Protein backbone atom coordinates (compact mmCIF):
# COMPACT_ATOMS: atom_id res chain seq x y z
CA MET A 1 -8.00 -1.42 -21.44
CA PRO A 2 -11.11 0.38 -20.20
CA GLU A 3 -13.81 -0.04 -22.85
CA LEU A 4 -17.11 1.74 -23.44
CA PRO A 5 -18.87 0.55 -20.23
CA GLU A 6 -16.02 1.62 -17.97
CA VAL A 7 -15.71 5.01 -19.67
CA GLU A 8 -19.47 5.62 -19.69
CA HIS A 9 -19.68 4.67 -16.01
CA LEU A 10 -16.88 7.16 -15.33
CA CYS A 11 -18.57 9.91 -17.37
CA ARG A 12 -21.84 9.51 -15.49
CA HIS A 13 -20.02 9.88 -12.19
CA LEU A 14 -18.07 12.90 -13.44
CA ARG A 15 -21.27 14.59 -14.60
CA SER A 16 -22.74 14.27 -11.12
CA HIS A 17 -19.62 15.66 -9.44
CA ILE A 18 -17.93 18.26 -11.65
CA ILE A 19 -20.62 19.93 -13.80
CA GLY A 20 -20.80 23.57 -12.69
CA ALA A 21 -17.43 23.43 -10.93
CA GLU A 22 -14.82 26.12 -11.53
CA VAL A 23 -11.26 25.02 -12.23
CA ARG A 24 -9.23 27.02 -9.71
CA LYS A 25 -5.78 25.46 -10.10
CA VAL A 26 -4.03 22.87 -12.27
CA TRP A 27 -0.89 20.88 -11.42
CA LEU A 28 0.75 19.04 -14.33
CA TYR A 29 3.39 16.57 -13.17
CA ARG A 30 4.21 15.05 -16.58
CA PRO A 31 4.19 17.63 -19.39
CA ASP A 32 4.78 14.86 -21.96
CA PHE A 33 1.40 13.36 -21.00
CA ILE A 34 -0.58 16.09 -22.76
CA ASP A 35 -1.13 16.84 -26.46
CA ARG A 36 0.83 13.89 -27.80
CA GLY A 37 1.08 14.32 -31.54
CA GLY A 38 -0.57 17.75 -31.43
CA ALA A 39 -4.30 17.08 -31.86
CA GLU A 40 -4.92 20.70 -32.85
CA ARG A 41 -2.18 22.52 -34.69
CA GLY A 42 -2.39 26.26 -35.14
CA GLY A 43 -4.89 26.67 -32.28
CA PRO A 44 -5.15 29.82 -30.15
CA ARG A 45 -2.12 30.65 -28.01
CA MET A 46 -2.66 30.33 -24.27
CA SER A 47 -0.78 29.18 -21.18
CA ARG A 48 -0.57 25.49 -20.37
CA GLU A 49 -2.83 25.96 -17.35
CA ARG A 50 -5.43 27.77 -19.47
CA ARG A 51 -5.29 24.97 -22.03
CA LEU A 52 -6.00 22.58 -19.16
CA LEU A 53 -9.19 24.57 -18.35
CA LYS A 54 -7.87 26.78 -15.53
CA GLY A 55 -10.41 29.56 -14.88
CA GLY A 56 -13.15 27.71 -16.73
CA VAL A 57 -16.48 26.41 -15.45
CA ILE A 58 -17.15 22.81 -16.48
CA SER A 59 -20.40 22.56 -18.41
CA LYS A 60 -20.44 19.16 -20.17
CA VAL A 61 -18.84 15.72 -20.25
CA HIS A 62 -18.97 14.01 -23.65
CA ARG A 63 -18.14 10.42 -24.62
CA HIS A 64 -17.66 8.68 -27.94
CA GLY A 65 -16.56 5.05 -27.90
CA LYS A 66 -13.73 4.65 -25.39
CA GLN A 67 -12.82 8.34 -25.39
CA PHE A 68 -14.33 11.19 -23.42
CA ALA A 69 -14.00 14.95 -23.19
CA ILE A 70 -14.63 17.64 -20.59
CA GLU A 71 -15.98 20.95 -21.92
CA ALA A 72 -15.94 24.35 -20.23
CA GLU A 73 -18.61 27.04 -20.63
CA ASP A 74 -16.24 29.13 -22.77
CA GLY A 75 -15.84 26.26 -25.24
CA ARG A 76 -12.42 24.94 -24.21
CA VAL A 77 -12.24 21.15 -24.27
CA LEU A 78 -10.02 18.46 -22.77
CA SER A 79 -10.09 15.23 -24.76
CA MET A 80 -9.05 12.25 -22.66
CA HIS A 81 -8.17 8.64 -23.34
CA LEU A 82 -7.54 6.15 -20.53
CA GLY A 83 -5.29 3.88 -22.61
CA MET A 84 -4.42 0.58 -20.93
CA SER A 85 -4.36 1.55 -17.26
CA GLY A 86 -5.61 5.11 -16.94
CA ARG A 87 -8.33 6.31 -14.61
CA VAL A 88 -9.76 9.53 -13.24
CA GLN A 89 -10.04 9.84 -9.47
CA ILE A 90 -12.16 12.16 -7.35
CA PRO A 91 -10.83 11.37 -3.87
CA ASP A 92 -12.69 11.77 -0.62
CA HIS A 93 -11.76 14.90 1.32
CA ASP A 94 -9.71 12.87 3.80
CA ASP A 95 -7.53 11.57 0.96
CA SER A 96 -7.03 14.91 -0.76
CA ILE A 97 -3.39 15.35 0.30
CA LYS A 98 -2.27 11.85 -0.73
CA LEU A 99 -1.24 11.59 -4.37
CA GLU A 100 -1.02 8.08 -5.76
CA PRO A 101 2.07 7.13 -7.79
CA HIS A 102 1.71 7.88 -11.52
CA THR A 103 -0.63 10.83 -10.94
CA HIS A 104 0.07 12.98 -13.99
CA CYS A 105 -2.37 15.88 -13.65
CA VAL A 106 -4.54 17.33 -10.84
CA TRP A 107 -7.34 19.87 -11.11
CA SER A 108 -8.57 21.79 -8.06
CA LEU A 109 -12.31 22.37 -8.46
CA GLN A 110 -14.67 24.69 -6.61
CA ARG A 111 -18.26 23.47 -6.49
CA ALA A 112 -21.32 24.93 -4.81
CA SER A 113 -21.04 22.11 -2.27
CA GLY A 114 -17.35 22.71 -1.64
CA SER A 115 -13.95 22.06 -3.16
CA CYS A 116 -12.64 18.80 -4.57
CA GLU A 117 -9.86 17.48 -6.78
CA MET A 118 -9.90 15.54 -10.01
CA ARG A 119 -6.82 13.47 -10.77
CA PHE A 120 -5.64 11.62 -13.89
CA ILE A 121 -3.62 8.52 -12.98
CA ASP A 122 -1.99 6.23 -15.54
CA PRO A 123 0.81 3.83 -14.53
CA ARG A 124 1.55 2.57 -18.06
CA ARG A 125 1.09 5.97 -19.74
CA PHE A 126 -0.71 4.70 -22.85
CA GLY A 127 -3.45 7.24 -22.17
CA GLY A 128 -3.29 10.99 -22.53
CA ILE A 129 -4.89 14.44 -22.40
CA TRP A 130 -5.40 16.64 -25.46
CA PRO A 131 -6.38 20.31 -24.92
CA ILE A 132 -8.55 21.50 -27.83
CA SER A 133 -10.10 24.91 -28.43
CA SER A 134 -13.67 23.73 -29.13
CA ARG A 135 -15.92 20.70 -29.43
CA GLN A 136 -16.13 21.30 -33.18
CA LYS A 137 -12.35 21.00 -33.37
CA LEU A 138 -12.53 17.84 -31.25
CA LEU A 139 -14.94 16.26 -33.74
CA SER A 140 -12.75 17.22 -36.71
CA THR A 141 -9.47 16.05 -35.15
CA ARG A 142 -9.28 13.50 -32.34
CA TRP A 143 -12.69 11.94 -32.97
CA SER A 144 -12.84 12.27 -36.75
CA HIS A 145 -11.58 8.71 -37.36
CA LEU A 146 -14.10 7.05 -35.04
CA GLY A 147 -17.09 5.12 -36.32
CA PRO A 148 -20.56 5.37 -34.77
CA ASP A 149 -20.74 4.81 -31.04
CA ALA A 150 -21.62 1.21 -30.14
CA LEU A 151 -24.66 2.35 -28.14
CA GLN A 152 -25.92 4.53 -31.01
CA ILE A 153 -25.23 2.50 -34.15
CA SER A 154 -28.24 0.84 -35.77
CA SER A 155 -28.34 -2.78 -36.87
CA ALA A 156 -28.71 -1.66 -40.49
CA ASP A 157 -25.64 0.60 -40.26
CA LEU A 158 -23.64 -2.17 -38.61
CA GLY A 159 -24.54 -4.47 -41.50
CA LYS A 160 -23.40 -1.89 -44.05
CA ARG A 161 -20.11 -1.41 -42.23
CA LEU A 162 -19.41 -5.16 -42.10
CA LYS A 163 -20.37 -5.76 -45.72
CA GLY A 164 -17.49 -6.71 -47.97
CA ARG A 165 -15.01 -7.12 -45.11
CA SER A 166 -13.17 -10.40 -45.38
CA ARG A 167 -11.32 -10.17 -42.09
CA PRO A 168 -12.44 -12.12 -39.00
CA LEU A 169 -15.57 -10.84 -37.31
CA LYS A 170 -13.72 -10.10 -34.08
CA SER A 171 -11.12 -8.04 -35.93
CA ALA A 172 -13.86 -5.97 -37.59
CA LEU A 173 -15.67 -5.34 -34.31
CA LEU A 174 -12.45 -4.20 -32.62
CA ASP A 175 -11.87 -1.65 -35.38
CA GLN A 176 -12.85 1.69 -33.82
CA GLY A 177 -13.41 3.10 -37.32
CA ILE A 178 -16.24 0.62 -37.88
CA VAL A 179 -17.91 0.85 -34.48
CA ALA A 180 -16.45 2.81 -31.56
CA GLY A 181 -16.33 1.44 -28.03
CA LEU A 182 -16.04 -2.34 -28.31
CA GLY A 183 -12.89 -4.03 -27.02
CA ASN A 184 -11.59 -7.49 -26.23
CA ILE A 185 -13.86 -8.20 -23.27
CA TYR A 186 -17.19 -7.16 -24.71
CA VAL A 187 -16.55 -8.55 -28.19
CA ASP A 188 -15.80 -12.02 -26.75
CA GLU A 189 -18.87 -11.88 -24.52
CA SER A 190 -21.12 -10.59 -27.31
CA LEU A 191 -19.99 -13.16 -29.87
CA PHE A 192 -20.62 -15.95 -27.38
CA GLN A 193 -24.14 -14.81 -26.57
CA ALA A 194 -24.87 -14.26 -30.27
CA GLY A 195 -23.54 -17.73 -31.17
CA LEU A 196 -21.02 -16.34 -33.66
CA ASN A 197 -17.48 -17.56 -34.25
CA PRO A 198 -14.80 -14.84 -33.80
CA LYS A 199 -12.93 -16.15 -36.89
CA GLN A 200 -16.01 -16.03 -39.14
CA PRO A 201 -15.39 -13.58 -42.03
CA ALA A 202 -17.40 -10.47 -41.21
CA SER A 203 -18.91 -10.32 -44.70
CA THR A 204 -20.53 -13.77 -44.38
CA LEU A 205 -23.00 -12.85 -41.65
CA LYS A 206 -26.68 -13.04 -42.51
CA ALA A 207 -28.99 -10.13 -41.75
CA CYS A 208 -30.64 -12.02 -38.89
CA GLU A 209 -27.21 -12.70 -37.34
CA ILE A 210 -26.28 -9.03 -37.55
CA ASP A 211 -29.58 -8.12 -35.89
CA ARG A 212 -28.90 -10.65 -33.15
CA LEU A 213 -25.30 -9.45 -32.67
CA HIS A 214 -26.46 -5.84 -32.44
CA GLU A 215 -29.16 -6.68 -29.91
CA VAL A 216 -26.71 -8.69 -27.83
CA PHE A 217 -23.86 -6.19 -27.61
CA VAL A 218 -26.16 -3.27 -26.85
CA GLY A 219 -27.69 -5.32 -24.03
CA ILE A 220 -24.29 -6.42 -22.69
CA LEU A 221 -22.90 -2.89 -22.77
CA GLY A 222 -25.95 -1.56 -20.93
CA LYS A 223 -25.68 -4.20 -18.21
CA ALA A 224 -21.94 -3.64 -17.86
CA ILE A 225 -22.43 0.12 -17.45
CA THR A 226 -24.95 -0.51 -14.66
CA LEU A 227 -22.46 -2.82 -12.90
CA GLY A 228 -19.55 -0.39 -13.21
CA GLY A 229 -17.75 -2.26 -15.97
CA SER A 230 -15.23 -5.09 -15.65
CA THR A 231 -12.20 -5.16 -13.39
CA VAL A 232 -9.72 -7.56 -14.97
CA ARG A 233 -6.40 -6.10 -13.81
CA THR A 234 -6.29 -2.48 -12.70
CA TRP A 235 -9.65 -0.87 -13.47
CA ILE A 236 -11.40 0.93 -10.62
CA ASP A 237 -13.81 3.81 -10.99
CA SER A 238 -13.39 7.40 -9.74
CA THR A 239 -14.47 6.37 -6.23
CA GLY A 240 -12.14 3.36 -6.07
CA GLN A 241 -14.82 0.71 -6.70
CA GLU A 242 -14.17 -2.34 -8.88
CA GLY A 243 -16.48 -3.22 -11.75
CA LEU A 244 -18.90 -6.03 -10.96
CA PHE A 245 -19.58 -7.16 -14.53
CA THR A 246 -16.45 -9.33 -14.27
CA LYS A 247 -18.49 -11.82 -12.25
CA THR A 248 -20.84 -12.38 -15.19
CA HIS A 249 -18.16 -13.16 -17.82
CA GLN A 250 -19.06 -16.32 -19.70
CA VAL A 251 -15.97 -16.69 -21.91
CA TYR A 252 -13.50 -13.84 -21.46
CA GLY A 253 -10.55 -14.99 -19.35
CA ARG A 254 -11.97 -18.54 -19.03
CA ASP A 255 -9.66 -20.38 -21.42
CA GLY A 256 -9.83 -24.14 -20.80
CA GLU A 257 -12.80 -23.92 -18.45
CA MET A 258 -16.14 -25.51 -19.25
CA CYS A 259 -18.67 -23.70 -21.40
CA MET A 260 -21.56 -22.52 -19.23
CA GLU A 261 -24.04 -23.55 -21.94
CA CYS A 262 -22.88 -26.94 -23.24
CA GLY A 263 -20.10 -28.07 -20.88
CA LYS A 264 -17.42 -28.39 -23.57
CA PRO A 265 -13.96 -26.93 -22.74
CA LEU A 266 -13.58 -23.43 -24.14
CA THR A 267 -11.06 -22.77 -26.90
CA SER A 268 -8.47 -19.99 -26.95
CA ASP A 269 -6.40 -18.52 -29.77
CA LEU A 270 -5.06 -15.21 -31.05
CA VAL A 271 -7.52 -13.35 -33.25
CA ALA A 272 -6.62 -9.83 -34.41
CA GLN A 273 -3.55 -10.12 -32.14
CA ARG A 274 -5.82 -10.46 -29.12
CA GLN A 275 -6.27 -13.50 -26.90
CA THR A 276 -9.75 -14.76 -27.74
CA VAL A 277 -11.91 -17.34 -25.98
CA TRP A 278 -14.96 -19.06 -27.47
CA CYS A 279 -16.91 -22.32 -27.55
CA THR A 280 -16.53 -24.24 -30.80
CA ARG A 281 -19.84 -26.01 -30.20
CA CYS A 282 -21.96 -22.97 -29.33
CA GLN A 283 -20.13 -20.74 -31.82
CA PRO A 284 -19.53 -22.94 -34.90
CA TYR A 285 -17.58 -21.65 -37.88
CA ARG A 286 -19.99 -21.44 -40.81
CA ARG A 287 -18.53 -21.77 -44.29
CA ARG A 288 -20.33 -19.37 -46.59
CA LYS A 289 -19.75 -17.17 -49.58
CA ARG A 290 -18.86 -13.60 -48.76
CA ARG A 291 -21.43 -10.96 -49.55
């Protein structure tokens, strides 16, 4: 699943390509791909194309955690989630007539520099698009359950949110209501660099360990954004490029290989229903009272 670095990398590219563009046409190929569960009930009545920003001029691209939203000048918003395999494509002009399989929605955009298309592609269809009447409504509906963004949360706030939680540290960090944006890849990598065991009860961390964890995951996320994220299976960005952070992975996907720090074989097990890899020597389980 694309995590915060992949989505932030995408948002930065979208901002440079679609801000100021007018949405001239919209083609929706899978109507069941939009507004699953009805993010905004009782909203203003408008055509499906209008709800998908037809006639609007794109003014902003927002992101919170793994989710992002495109806002038009008149306030209309499209909330988007990439799910497991989703991506947004802005094809080169030569490719504009070739639709990839599993393309669910296409927007024709008119920019000052010329026309282009934006396409939402999702083979596994765990993602989706939610038309919402305003950013305020977005914050009170789709994004209301999300915790602070992982790039914005402070170490002190992280400590407060982990306090009293008896579940494994990895499980707590994957909870988007505690901190939004972290997923399997970046939690494994962060816990390794911070020297923390994924099964350690979250409430047993000391303040210095929380500070270290916070410093580590902010640094890892920043580096991953710069490198375009991680391509593990299907992720490619809006230009078709793979993420280069994959080449720096120290534990994720390396079950049974040697630890890059101590040389001991890495351990793998299910934690929070996710395959988890760590080094039992570099990330010892510390038995402590919960705080």
